[in-house]
C-alpha atoms as a PDB file:
ATOM      1  CA  MET A   1       0.000   0.000   0.000  1.00  0.00           C
ATOM      2  CA  TYR A   2       1.198   3.506  -0.750  1.00  0.00           C
ATOM      3  CA  ALA A   3       0.056   6.987   0.189  1.00  0.00           C
ATOM      4  CA  VAL A   4       0.563  10.520  -1.069  1.00  0.00           C
ATOM      5  CA  ILE A   5       1.179  12.948   1.783  1.00  0.00           C
ATOM      6  CA  GLN A   6       1.673  16.697   1.921  1.00  0.00           C
ATOM      7  CA  THR A   7       4.263  18.288   4.205  1.00  0.00           C
ATOM      8  CA  GLY A   8       6.345  21.431   3.906  1.00  0.00           C
ATOM      9  CA  GLY A   9       4.418  22.580   0.833  1.00  0.00           C
ATOM     10  CA  LYS A  10       5.449  19.490  -1.145  1.00  0.00           C
ATOM     11  CA  GLN A  11       3.817  16.155  -1.918  1.00  0.00           C
ATOM     12  CA  TYR A  12       5.510  12.772  -1.463  1.00  0.00           C
ATOM     13  CA  ARG A  13       4.523   9.250  -2.511  1.00  0.00           C
ATOM     14  CA  VAL A  14       5.476   6.970   0.371  1.00  0.00           C
ATOM     15  CA  LYS A  15       5.411   3.252   1.157  1.00  0.00           C
ATOM     16  CA  SER A  16       5.898   1.477   4.471  1.00  0.00           C
ATOM     17  CA  GLY A  17       9.579   0.931   5.340  1.00  0.00           C
ATOM     18  CA  GLU A  18      10.790   3.691   3.015  1.00  0.00           C
ATOM     19  CA  GLN A  19      13.187   6.492   4.052  1.00  0.00           C
ATOM     20  CA  LEU A  20      12.929   9.978   2.585  1.00  0.00           C
ATOM     21  CA  LYS A  21      14.189  13.516   3.122  1.00  0.00           C
ATOM     22  CA  ILE A  22      11.513  16.128   3.725  1.00  0.00           C
ATOM     23  CA  GLU A  23      11.443  19.787   4.752  1.00  0.00           C
ATOM     24  CA  ALA A  24      12.822  20.366   8.262  1.00  0.00           C
ATOM     25  CA  LEU A  25      10.569  19.411  11.170  1.00  0.00           C
ATOM     26  CA  ALA A  26      11.023  20.491  14.787  1.00  0.00           C
ATOM     27  CA  ALA A  27      11.462  16.962  16.155  1.00  0.00           C
ATOM     28  CA  GLU A  28      14.244  15.071  17.912  1.00  0.00           C
ATOM     29  CA  ILE A  29      16.010  12.076  16.377  1.00  0.00           C
ATOM     30  CA  GLY A  30      14.041   8.946  17.217  1.00  0.00           C
ATOM     31  CA  ALA A  31      10.785  10.828  17.781  1.00  0.00           C
ATOM     32  CA  ALA A  32       7.559   9.574  16.255  1.00  0.00           C
ATOM     33  CA  VAL A  33       5.761  11.935  13.870  1.00  0.00           C
ATOM     34  CA  SER A  34       2.474  11.519  12.062  1.00  0.00           C
ATOM     35  CA  PHE A  35       1.260  13.128   8.863  1.00  0.00           C
ATOM     36  CA  ASP A  36      -2.480  13.830   8.774  1.00  0.00           C
ATOM     37  CA  ASN A  37      -2.544  15.515   5.358  1.00  0.00           C
ATOM     38  CA  VAL A  38      -3.037  12.357   3.281  1.00  0.00           C
ATOM     39  CA  LEU A  39      -4.120  13.152  -0.275  1.00  0.00           C
ATOM     40  CA  MET A  40      -4.404   9.601  -1.628  1.00  0.00           C
ATOM     41  CA  LEU A  41      -4.246   5.971  -0.503  1.00  0.00           C
ATOM     42  CA  GLY A  42      -3.676   3.214  -3.007  1.00  0.00           C
ATOM     43  CA  GLU A  43      -3.278  -0.502  -3.457  1.00  0.00           C
ATOM     44  CA  GLY A  44      -3.811  -1.937  -6.928  1.00  0.00           C
ATOM     45  CA  GLU A  45      -7.320  -1.127  -8.140  1.00  0.00           C
ATOM     46  CA  GLY A  46      -8.515   0.216  -4.776  1.00  0.00           C
ATOM     47  CA  VAL A  47      -7.324   3.822  -4.898  1.00  0.00           C
ATOM     48  CA  ARG A  48      -8.988   6.417  -2.669  1.00  0.00           C
ATOM     49  CA  VAL A  49      -8.539  10.105  -3.451  1.00  0.00           C
ATOM     50  CA  GLY A  50      -9.360  12.866  -0.978  1.00  0.00           C
ATOM     51  CA  ALA A  51     -10.972  16.211  -1.630  1.00  0.00           C
ATOM     52  CA  PRO A  52      -8.428  17.557  -0.730  1.00  0.00           C
ATOM     53  CA  PHE A  53      -7.547  15.234   2.213  1.00  0.00           C
ATOM     54  CA  LEU A  54      -8.783  11.823   3.298  1.00  0.00           C
ATOM     55  CA  SER A  55     -10.472  11.865   6.695  1.00  0.00           C
ATOM     56  CA  GLY A  56      -9.213   9.264   9.145  1.00  0.00           C
ATOM     57  CA  ALA A  57      -6.101   8.469   7.103  1.00  0.00           C
ATOM     58  CA  LYS A  58      -2.713   8.919   8.740  1.00  0.00           C
ATOM     59  CA  VAL A  59       0.930   8.085   8.026  1.00  0.00           C
ATOM     60  CA  LYS A  60       3.170   7.315  11.001  1.00  0.00           C
ATOM     61  CA  ALA A  61       6.930   7.829  10.748  1.00  0.00           C
ATOM     62  CA  THR A  62      10.091   7.993  12.853  1.00  0.00           C
ATOM     63  CA  VAL A  63      12.746  10.723  12.586  1.00  0.00           C
ATOM     64  CA  VAL A  64      16.047   9.151  11.536  1.00  0.00           C
ATOM     65  CA  ALA A  65      18.270  12.222  11.065  1.00  0.00           C
ATOM     66  CA  GLN A  66      18.356  16.002  10.869  1.00  0.00           C
ATOM     67  CA  GLY A  67      20.737  17.624   8.420  1.00  0.00           C
ATOM     68  CA  ARG A  68      21.504  20.207   5.791  1.00  0.00           C
ATOM     69  CA  GLY A  69      21.770  19.737   2.042  1.00  0.00           C
ATOM     70  CA  GLU A  70      24.486  20.685  -0.397  1.00  0.00           C
ATOM     71  CA  LYS A  71      25.457  24.330  -0.729  1.00  0.00           C
ATOM     72  CA  VAL A  72      23.846  26.206  -3.585  1.00  0.00           C
ATOM     73  CA  ARG A  73      25.803  29.192  -4.915  1.00  0.00           C
ATOM     74  CA  ILE A  74      23.906  32.256  -6.095  1.00  0.00           C
ATOM     75  CA  PHE A  75      25.805  34.771  -8.250  1.00  0.00           C
ATOM     76  CA  LYS A  76      24.253  38.010  -9.430  1.00  0.00           C
ATOM     77  CA  MET A  77      25.954  40.450 -11.753  1.00  0.00           C
ATOM     78  CA  ARG A  78      25.022  43.574 -13.680  1.00  0.00           C
ATOM     79  CA  ARG A  79      27.346  44.083 -16.589  1.00  0.00           C
ATOM     80  CA  ARG A  80      29.089  47.441 -16.897  1.00  0.00           C
ATOM     81  CA  LYS A  81      27.662  48.577 -13.526  1.00  0.00           C
ATOM     82  CA  HIS A  82      30.386  47.366 -11.125  1.00  0.00           C
ATOM     83  CA  TYR A  83      27.889  45.122  -9.351  1.00  0.00           C
ATOM     84  CA  ALA A  84      28.632  41.539  -8.453  1.00  0.00           C
ATOM     85  CA  LYS A  85      27.191  39.632  -5.500  1.00  0.00           C
ATOM     86  CA  THR A  86      27.757  36.053  -4.320  1.00  0.00           C
ATOM     87  CA  GLN A  87      25.488  34.244  -1.878  1.00  0.00           C
ATOM     88  CA  GLY A  88      25.199  30.699  -0.608  1.00  0.00           C
ATOM     89  CA  HIS A  89      22.318  28.652   0.772  1.00  0.00           C
ATOM     90  CA  ARG A  90      22.019  25.271   2.502  1.00  0.00           C
ATOM     91  CA  GLN A  91      18.501  23.900   2.925  1.00  0.00           C
ATOM     92  CA  SER A  92      17.728  22.051   6.159  1.00  0.00           C
ATOM     93  CA  PHE A  93      16.015  18.665   5.950  1.00  0.00           C
ATOM     94  CA  THR A  94      14.634  15.912   8.161  1.00  0.00           C
ATOM     95  CA  GLU A  95      15.088  12.283   7.161  1.00  0.00           C
ATOM     96  CA  VAL A  96      12.172  10.074   8.205  1.00  0.00           C
ATOM     97  CA  ARG A  97      11.395   6.359   7.996  1.00  0.00           C
ATOM     98  CA  ILE A  98       7.772   5.491   7.176  1.00  0.00           C
ATOM     99  CA  ASP A  99       6.542   2.969   9.753  1.00  0.00           C
ATOM    100  CA  GLU A 100       2.858   2.537   9.040  1.00  0.00           C
ATOM    101  CA  ILE A 101       0.081   3.763   6.765  1.00  0.00           C
ATOM    102  CA  VAL A 102      -3.267   3.867   8.543  1.00  0.00           C
ATOM    103  CA  GLY A 103      -6.376   4.223   6.377  1.00  0.00           C
ATOM    104  CA  ALA A 104      -9.884   4.182   7.791  1.00  0.00           C
END
């Protein structure tokens, strides 16, 4: 069985036992988190789609790690204007392991 969840403004297709990196959550390593914004549950022909969310459906997960992604360099320049600017950004993430998909 798989589910489509929404967290951090993004949507993820998840299965039980899978690990994925999502937007940073304020949770300790080893803590249990649950995602209530389930958009779709599926298994073969029996696919249920919410409008926009399924009521009673929940995805339970465990926080595996907290971290930061690769550095992205931003360079802005205006030619002939003596303007050049360099910036960097590292996006924070939370790695979670999907434990269980509960669908009512």
